[in-house]
Amino acid sequence: MKKQAKKKKYPAFTLVEVLVVLVIICVLVILFVPNVGKQKELADKKSNEALTTLVENQIKIYELEFPEEKGSAVTLKLSQMETLGYITKEQRTRYEATLP
């Protein structure tokens, strides 16, 4: 009698199955990555709009508390507002970057 070689069965994936999964993942990444870039741009735009609204509201509050400063230049108001704690240095810098 001949001895039959025992076949060891390992639970594993075939090469084709692994390649199919990799292709599916690649397609999903290709579809997802451009949307992430668009979302970042949209978030930056909304952040700038919110900052502008915040600083303009703080300017109005400052003008109500200091009516003698109503006609002064915006940059002068911003420096005084930063000194008095109405806005932070970062907010002032970002807002000045949006000014024409």
N, C-alpha and C. Protein backbone atom coordinates (compact mmCIF):
# COMPACT_ATOMS: atom_id res chain seq x y z
N MET A 1 0.80 -1.18 0.00
CA MET A 1 0.00 0.00 0.00
C MET A 1 0.85 1.25 0.00
N LYS A 2 0.41 2.14 -0.81
CA LYS A 2 1.11 3.40 -0.86
C LYS A 2 0.51 4.35 0.19
N LYS A 3 1.37 5.08 0.79
CA LYS A 3 0.89 6.07 1.75
C LYS A 3 0.49 7.33 1.00
N GLN A 4 -0.63 7.81 1.34
CA GLN A 4 -1.07 9.05 0.72
C GLN A 4 -0.51 10.22 1.53
N ALA A 5 -0.03 11.17 0.79
CA ALA A 5 0.49 12.37 1.45
C ALA A 5 -0.68 13.17 2.02
N LYS A 6 -0.51 13.54 3.25
CA LYS A 6 -1.57 14.32 3.87
C LYS A 6 -1.45 15.76 3.39
N LYS A 7 -2.58 16.29 2.95
CA LYS A 7 -2.61 17.68 2.55
C LYS A 7 -2.96 18.53 3.76
N LYS A 8 -2.13 19.49 3.99
CA LYS A 8 -2.40 20.40 5.10
C LYS A 8 -3.24 21.56 4.55
N LYS A 9 -4.34 21.79 5.17
CA LYS A 9 -5.20 22.88 4.75
C LYS A 9 -5.01 24.06 5.69
N TYR A 10 -4.53 25.14 5.10
CA TYR A 10 -4.35 26.37 5.86
C TYR A 10 -5.45 27.34 5.48
N PRO A 11 -6.09 27.93 6.44
CA PRO A 11 -7.09 28.95 6.09
C PRO A 11 -6.37 30.21 5.62
N ALA A 12 -6.39 30.44 4.34
CA ALA A 12 -5.68 31.60 3.79
C ALA A 12 -6.44 32.13 2.58
N PHE A 13 -6.06 33.33 2.20
CA PHE A 13 -6.65 33.95 1.02
C PHE A 13 -5.83 33.60 -0.20
N THR A 14 -6.49 33.53 -1.33
CA THR A 14 -5.76 33.30 -2.58
C THR A 14 -5.24 34.63 -3.08
N LEU A 15 -4.32 34.57 -3.99
CA LEU A 15 -3.73 35.77 -4.56
C LEU A 15 -4.79 36.61 -5.27
N VAL A 16 -5.71 35.99 -5.94
CA VAL A 16 -6.77 36.71 -6.65
C VAL A 16 -7.65 37.47 -5.66
N GLU A 17 -8.00 36.85 -4.56
CA GLU A 17 -8.83 37.53 -3.56
C GLU A 17 -8.12 38.76 -2.98
N VAL A 18 -6.84 38.63 -2.70
CA VAL A 18 -6.08 39.75 -2.17
C VAL A 18 -6.01 40.88 -3.19
N LEU A 19 -5.78 40.55 -4.45
CA LEU A 19 -5.71 41.57 -5.50
C LEU A 19 -7.05 42.28 -5.68
N VAL A 20 -8.14 41.56 -5.60
CA VAL A 20 -9.47 42.17 -5.73
C VAL A 20 -9.70 43.15 -4.59
N VAL A 21 -9.34 42.78 -3.39
CA VAL A 21 -9.50 43.68 -2.24
C VAL A 21 -8.63 44.92 -2.42
N LEU A 22 -7.40 44.76 -2.88
CA LEU A 22 -6.53 45.91 -3.11
C LEU A 22 -7.08 46.85 -4.18
N VAL A 23 -7.64 46.30 -5.23
CA VAL A 23 -8.24 47.13 -6.29
C VAL A 23 -9.42 47.91 -5.73
N ILE A 24 -10.24 47.28 -4.95
CA ILE A 24 -11.40 47.97 -4.36
C ILE A 24 -10.93 49.10 -3.44
N ILE A 25 -9.93 48.84 -2.63
CA ILE A 25 -9.40 49.88 -1.74
C ILE A 25 -8.83 51.04 -2.55
N CYS A 26 -8.11 50.75 -3.61
CA CYS A 26 -7.54 51.81 -4.46
C CYS A 26 -8.63 52.67 -5.09
N VAL A 27 -9.69 52.04 -5.56
CA VAL A 27 -10.79 52.80 -6.16
C VAL A 27 -11.43 53.71 -5.12
N LEU A 28 -11.64 53.21 -3.93
CA LEU A 28 -12.23 54.03 -2.86
C LEU A 28 -11.33 55.21 -2.50
N VAL A 29 -10.03 54.98 -2.44
CA VAL A 29 -9.09 56.07 -2.13
C VAL A 29 -9.12 57.12 -3.24
N ILE A 30 -9.15 56.67 -4.49
CA ILE A 30 -9.19 57.61 -5.62
C ILE A 30 -10.45 58.46 -5.57
N LEU A 31 -11.55 57.89 -5.14
CA LEU A 31 -12.80 58.65 -5.04
C LEU A 31 -12.82 59.56 -3.82
N PHE A 32 -12.14 59.17 -2.75
CA PHE A 32 -12.22 59.89 -1.48
C PHE A 32 -11.25 61.07 -1.39
N VAL A 33 -10.04 60.93 -1.88
CA VAL A 33 -8.99 61.94 -1.70
C VAL A 33 -9.36 63.31 -2.28
N PRO A 34 -9.89 63.43 -3.48
CA PRO A 34 -10.24 64.77 -3.97
C PRO A 34 -11.29 65.47 -3.11
N ASN A 35 -12.21 64.73 -2.54
CA ASN A 35 -13.22 65.32 -1.69
C ASN A 35 -12.63 65.87 -0.40
N VAL A 36 -11.57 65.26 0.10
CA VAL A 36 -10.93 65.75 1.31
C VAL A 36 -10.32 67.12 1.04
N GLY A 37 -9.70 67.30 -0.11
CA GLY A 37 -9.11 68.59 -0.47
C GLY A 37 -10.18 69.68 -0.56
N LYS A 38 -11.32 69.35 -1.16
CA LYS A 38 -12.41 70.31 -1.27
C LYS A 38 -12.95 70.68 0.11
N GLN A 39 -13.05 69.70 0.99
CA GLN A 39 -13.56 69.97 2.33
C GLN A 39 -12.61 70.88 3.11
N LYS A 40 -11.31 70.71 2.90
CA LYS A 40 -10.34 71.57 3.58
C LYS A 40 -10.48 73.01 3.11
N GLU A 41 -10.63 73.20 1.81
CA GLU A 41 -10.81 74.55 1.28
C GLU A 41 -12.09 75.18 1.81
N LEU A 42 -13.15 74.41 1.86
CA LEU A 42 -14.43 74.91 2.38
C LEU A 42 -14.31 75.27 3.86
N ALA A 43 -13.61 74.46 4.63
CA ALA A 43 -13.42 74.74 6.06
C ALA A 43 -12.59 76.00 6.26
N ASP A 44 -11.55 76.19 5.44
CA ASP A 44 -10.75 77.41 5.54
C ASP A 44 -11.57 78.65 5.21
N LYS A 45 -12.40 78.56 4.18
CA LYS A 45 -13.24 79.69 3.78
C LYS A 45 -14.22 80.05 4.90
N LYS A 46 -14.87 79.05 5.48
CA LYS A 46 -15.82 79.29 6.56
C LYS A 46 -15.11 79.84 7.80
N SER A 47 -13.91 79.37 8.06
CA SER A 47 -13.13 79.86 9.19
C SER A 47 -12.81 81.34 9.01
N ASN A 48 -12.41 81.72 7.81
CA ASN A 48 -12.10 83.13 7.54
C ASN A 48 -13.35 84.00 7.67
N GLU A 49 -14.49 83.50 7.19
CA GLU A 49 -15.74 84.26 7.31
C GLU A 49 -16.12 84.45 8.78
N ALA A 50 -15.96 83.41 9.57
CA ALA A 50 -16.29 83.50 11.00
C ALA A 50 -15.36 84.47 11.72
N LEU A 51 -14.08 84.44 11.36
CA LEU A 51 -13.12 85.35 11.97
C LEU A 51 -13.46 86.80 11.62
N THR A 52 -13.79 87.05 10.36
CA THR A 52 -14.15 88.39 9.93
C THR A 52 -15.37 88.89 10.70
N THR A 53 -16.38 88.06 10.83
CA THR A 53 -17.58 88.43 11.56
C THR A 53 -17.25 88.73 13.02
N LEU A 54 -16.43 87.88 13.64
CA LEU A 54 -16.06 88.07 15.03
C LEU A 54 -15.33 89.40 15.24
N VAL A 55 -14.33 89.67 14.42
CA VAL A 55 -13.55 90.89 14.59
C VAL A 55 -14.41 92.12 14.31
N GLU A 56 -15.26 92.07 13.30
CA GLU A 56 -16.12 93.22 13.01
C GLU A 56 -17.10 93.47 14.16
N ASN A 57 -17.60 92.42 14.78
CA ASN A 57 -18.46 92.59 15.95
C ASN A 57 -17.68 93.17 17.13
N GLN A 58 -16.46 92.74 17.30
CA GLN A 58 -15.63 93.29 18.36
C GLN A 58 -15.32 94.76 18.10
N ILE A 59 -15.14 95.15 16.84
CA ILE A 59 -14.91 96.55 16.50
C ILE A 59 -16.13 97.38 16.89
N LYS A 60 -17.32 96.87 16.61
CA LYS A 60 -18.55 97.59 16.97
C LYS A 60 -18.66 97.76 18.48
N ILE A 61 -18.35 96.71 19.22
CA ILE A 61 -18.39 96.80 20.68
C ILE A 61 -17.37 97.81 21.17
N TYR A 62 -16.17 97.79 20.59
CA TYR A 62 -15.12 98.74 20.96
C TYR A 62 -15.57 100.17 20.69
N GLU A 63 -16.19 100.39 19.54
CA GLU A 63 -16.66 101.74 19.20
C GLU A 63 -17.78 102.20 20.14
N LEU A 64 -18.60 101.28 20.62
CA LEU A 64 -19.63 101.65 21.59
C LEU A 64 -19.03 102.05 22.93
N GLU A 65 -17.97 101.38 23.33
CA GLU A 65 -17.34 101.69 24.60
C GLU A 65 -16.41 102.89 24.51
N PHE A 66 -15.84 103.12 23.33
CA PHE A 66 -14.93 104.24 23.12
C PHE A 66 -15.41 105.04 21.90
N PRO A 67 -16.45 105.86 22.06
CA PRO A 67 -17.01 106.58 20.90
C PRO A 67 -16.04 107.57 20.27
N GLU A 68 -15.05 108.04 21.02
CA GLU A 68 -14.08 108.99 20.46
C GLU A 68 -13.17 108.32 19.43
N GLU A 69 -13.12 107.01 19.41
CA GLU A 69 -12.27 106.27 18.46
C GLU A 69 -13.03 105.91 17.18
N LYS A 70 -14.25 106.34 17.03
CA LYS A 70 -15.10 105.91 15.92
C LYS A 70 -14.50 106.22 14.55
N GLY A 71 -13.82 107.35 14.39
CA GLY A 71 -13.30 107.73 13.09
C GLY A 71 -11.87 107.29 12.81
N SER A 72 -11.23 106.64 13.79
CA SER A 72 -9.83 106.27 13.60
C SER A 72 -9.69 105.10 12.63
N ALA A 73 -8.47 104.92 12.15
CA ALA A 73 -8.18 103.87 11.17
C ALA A 73 -8.39 102.48 11.79
N VAL A 74 -8.72 101.52 10.94
CA VAL A 74 -9.00 100.16 11.40
C VAL A 74 -7.77 99.54 12.04
N THR A 75 -6.59 99.74 11.46
CA THR A 75 -5.38 99.13 12.02
C THR A 75 -5.06 99.71 13.39
N LEU A 76 -5.32 101.00 13.58
CA LEU A 76 -5.12 101.60 14.90
C LEU A 76 -6.09 101.01 15.91
N LYS A 77 -7.35 100.85 15.50
CA LYS A 77 -8.35 100.24 16.38
C LYS A 77 -7.93 98.81 16.73
N LEU A 78 -7.45 98.09 15.74
CA LEU A 78 -7.07 96.70 15.98
C LEU A 78 -5.94 96.60 17.00
N SER A 79 -4.95 97.48 16.89
CA SER A 79 -3.84 97.42 17.85
C SER A 79 -4.33 97.76 19.25
N GLN A 80 -5.21 98.74 19.37
CA GLN A 80 -5.75 99.09 20.69
C GLN A 80 -6.65 97.97 21.21
N MET A 81 -7.43 97.36 20.32
CA MET A 81 -8.30 96.26 20.73
C MET A 81 -7.48 95.07 21.23
N GLU A 82 -6.36 94.82 20.56
CA GLU A 82 -5.50 93.72 20.99
C GLU A 82 -4.91 94.03 22.37
N THR A 83 -4.48 95.27 22.57
CA THR A 83 -3.92 95.67 23.86
C THR A 83 -4.94 95.52 24.98
N LEU A 84 -6.20 95.87 24.69
CA LEU A 84 -7.24 95.81 25.72
C LEU A 84 -7.85 94.42 25.86
N GLY A 85 -7.49 93.48 25.00
CA GLY A 85 -7.95 92.10 25.13
C GLY A 85 -9.25 91.79 24.39
N TYR A 86 -9.66 92.66 23.48
CA TYR A 86 -10.86 92.38 22.69
C TYR A 86 -10.60 91.25 21.70
N ILE A 87 -9.41 91.24 21.12
CA ILE A 87 -9.02 90.20 20.16
C ILE A 87 -7.62 89.73 20.49
N THR A 88 -7.27 88.57 19.98
CA THR A 88 -5.92 88.05 20.19
C THR A 88 -5.01 88.50 19.05
N LYS A 89 -3.72 88.30 19.25
CA LYS A 89 -2.75 88.67 18.22
C LYS A 89 -2.97 87.87 16.95
N GLU A 90 -3.27 86.58 17.10
CA GLU A 90 -3.52 85.73 15.93
C GLU A 90 -4.74 86.21 15.15
N GLN A 91 -5.81 86.56 15.87
CA GLN A 91 -7.02 87.07 15.21
C GLN A 91 -6.71 88.36 14.46
N ARG A 92 -5.94 89.24 15.09
CA ARG A 92 -5.58 90.51 14.44
C ARG A 92 -4.77 90.24 13.17
N THR A 93 -3.79 89.38 13.25
CA THR A 93 -2.93 89.08 12.10
C THR A 93 -3.75 88.49 10.95
N ARG A 94 -4.62 87.52 11.26
CA ARG A 94 -5.42 86.90 10.21
C ARG A 94 -6.42 87.88 9.62
N TYR A 95 -6.99 88.76 10.45
CA TYR A 95 -7.96 89.74 9.94
C TYR A 95 -7.25 90.77 9.06
N GLU A 96 -6.09 91.21 9.47
CA GLU A 96 -5.35 92.20 8.65
C GLU A 96 -4.97 91.61 7.29
N ALA A 97 -4.76 90.31 7.24
CA ALA A 97 -4.44 89.65 5.96
C ALA A 97 -5.63 89.69 5.00
N THR A 98 -6.84 89.79 5.55
CA THR A 98 -8.03 89.81 4.68
C THR A 98 -8.38 91.23 4.23
N LEU A 99 -7.76 92.24 4.86
CA LEU A 99 -8.07 93.62 4.48
C LEU A 99 -7.50 93.94 3.10
N PRO A 100 -8.21 94.78 2.33
CA PRO A 100 -7.67 95.14 1.00
C PRO A 100 -6.49 96.07 1.06
